[in-house]
Amino acid sequence: MFVAVASAATNDVFRPQITEPKEGDVWTVGSVQTITWDTSNIPAANQNQTGLILLGFIEDGSIDEHLNTTNPLASNFPITAGSVNVNVPDVTPRDDYVVVLFGDSGNTSPKFSIVN
């Protein structure tokens, strides 16, 4: 007689809310900006996780984030840090930029501007 034993592993998905940048913030190309996120509810399983931040933009009426996966703003930082400083790249000025924080799941910031 065979008995199947199943083990249910907990899948804790951590989607931290990005607290900076805020909607309407303005970043200048070449400046250093701080991206922050809420770390108050990090599951135990995610305590040693590292993060990745990508820059993208969302045009009105679209859901495509146009993420720049080739040039991350930051990578391999501890997700528990709650913040990371980034150098604003030389990009086309626009008012619909977003940053996306990846740990085990992505979370998108509100739209902000990057200017020269």
Protein backbone atom coordinates (compact mmCIF):
# COMPACT_ATOMS: atom_id res chain seq x y z
CA MET A 1 0.00 0.00 0.00
CA PHE A 2 1.31 3.45 -0.97
CA VAL A 3 0.36 6.59 0.83
CA ALA A 4 0.93 10.00 -0.76
CA VAL A 5 1.99 12.70 1.62
CA ALA A 6 1.67 16.28 0.47
CA SER A 7 3.45 19.15 2.10
CA ALA A 8 1.93 22.58 1.75
CA ALA A 9 4.66 25.19 1.61
CA THR A 10 3.65 28.73 2.39
CA ASN A 11 3.96 31.07 -0.55
CA ASP A 12 4.46 34.47 1.04
CA VAL A 13 4.31 37.10 -1.68
CA PHE A 14 5.80 40.39 -0.61
CA ARG A 15 4.54 43.42 -2.56
CA PRO A 16 5.98 46.43 -0.73
CA GLN A 17 4.29 49.75 -1.37
CA ILE A 18 6.67 52.26 -2.94
CA THR A 19 6.59 55.44 -0.84
CA GLU A 20 9.06 57.51 -2.92
CA PRO A 21 8.83 58.73 -5.62
CA LYS A 22 5.39 60.18 -5.15
CA GLU A 23 3.01 61.15 -7.94
CA GLY A 24 4.12 64.40 -9.51
CA ASP A 25 7.70 64.32 -8.16
CA VAL A 26 10.34 65.74 -10.50
CA TRP A 27 13.78 64.19 -10.90
CA THR A 28 16.65 65.83 -12.78
CA VAL A 29 18.92 63.82 -15.09
CA GLY A 30 22.24 63.20 -13.33
CA SER A 31 20.88 63.75 -9.83
CA VAL A 32 20.86 61.17 -7.04
CA GLN A 33 17.38 60.22 -5.83
CA THR A 34 16.21 57.94 -3.05
CA ILE A 35 13.57 55.30 -3.77
CA THR A 36 11.78 54.09 -0.63
CA TRP A 37 9.28 51.35 0.16
CA ASP A 38 7.33 50.05 3.13
CA THR A 39 9.10 47.24 4.99
CA SER A 40 6.62 46.87 7.85
CA ASN A 41 5.11 43.58 6.68
CA ILE A 42 8.00 41.56 5.28
CA PRO A 43 7.22 37.85 5.75
CA ALA A 44 9.92 35.81 7.50
CA ALA A 45 10.51 33.86 4.29
CA ASN A 46 11.48 37.09 2.49
CA GLN A 47 13.90 38.54 5.07
CA ASN A 48 17.02 37.60 3.08
CA GLN A 49 15.67 38.54 -0.33
CA THR A 50 17.42 40.96 -2.66
CA GLY A 51 15.70 43.52 -4.85
CA LEU A 52 15.81 44.97 -8.35
CA ILE A 53 14.52 48.40 -9.44
CA LEU A 54 13.74 49.18 -13.06
CA LEU A 55 12.75 52.47 -14.70
CA GLY A 56 9.85 52.55 -17.13
CA PHE A 57 7.01 54.72 -18.29
CA ILE A 58 3.28 54.27 -18.77
CA GLU A 59 1.60 56.24 -21.52
CA ASP A 60 -1.99 57.35 -20.95
CA GLY A 61 -4.44 54.61 -21.87
CA SER A 62 -1.76 51.90 -21.79
CA ILE A 63 -0.83 49.27 -19.23
CA ASP A 64 2.63 48.62 -20.77
CA GLU A 65 5.31 49.78 -18.35
CA HIS A 66 8.05 49.98 -21.03
CA LEU A 67 10.57 48.73 -18.46
CA ASN A 68 14.26 49.23 -19.17
CA THR A 69 15.47 45.75 -18.26
CA THR A 70 18.91 46.36 -19.79
CA ASN A 71 19.92 49.11 -17.35
CA PRO A 72 18.49 48.55 -13.86
CA LEU A 73 18.51 51.58 -11.56
CA ALA A 74 19.57 49.30 -8.68
CA SER A 75 20.04 45.58 -8.06
CA ASN A 76 21.10 43.08 -5.41
CA PHE A 77 20.20 45.28 -2.45
CA PRO A 78 18.51 43.82 0.65
CA ILE A 79 14.73 44.17 0.35
CA THR A 80 14.68 44.85 4.10
CA ALA A 81 16.66 48.09 3.58
CA GLY A 82 13.54 50.08 2.70
CA SER A 83 15.46 52.46 0.48
CA VAL A 84 18.14 52.71 -2.17
CA ASN A 85 19.86 55.69 -3.80
CA VAL A 86 19.92 55.77 -7.59
CA ASN A 87 21.58 57.94 -10.21
CA VAL A 88 18.98 59.36 -12.58
CA PRO A 89 19.99 58.26 -16.09
CA ASP A 90 20.14 60.48 -19.17
CA VAL A 91 16.70 59.72 -20.58
CA THR A 92 14.16 61.59 -22.67
CA PRO A 93 12.25 64.06 -20.48
CA ARG A 94 8.66 62.96 -19.83
CA ASP A 95 6.04 63.07 -17.09
CA ASP A 96 4.92 59.45 -17.03
CA TYR A 97 7.94 57.63 -15.63
CA VAL A 98 7.53 54.89 -13.00
CA VAL A 99 9.91 52.70 -11.04
CA VAL A 100 9.13 49.05 -10.41
CA LEU A 101 10.52 47.28 -7.35
CA PHE A 102 11.01 43.54 -7.76
CA GLY A 103 11.57 41.19 -4.86
CA ASP A 104 9.42 38.15 -5.39
CA SER A 105 6.77 40.30 -7.04
CA GLY A 106 6.78 43.70 -8.70
CA ASN A 107 5.23 46.87 -7.36
CA THR A 108 4.92 50.04 -9.44
CA SER A 109 5.33 53.60 -8.21
CA PRO A 110 3.00 56.44 -9.12
CA LYS A 111 3.97 58.46 -12.22
CA PHE A 112 6.65 61.12 -11.87
CA SER A 113 8.72 63.31 -14.19
CA ILE A 114 12.33 63.29 -15.27
CA VAL A 115 13.70 66.55 -16.68
CA ASN A 116 17.07 67.76 -17.99
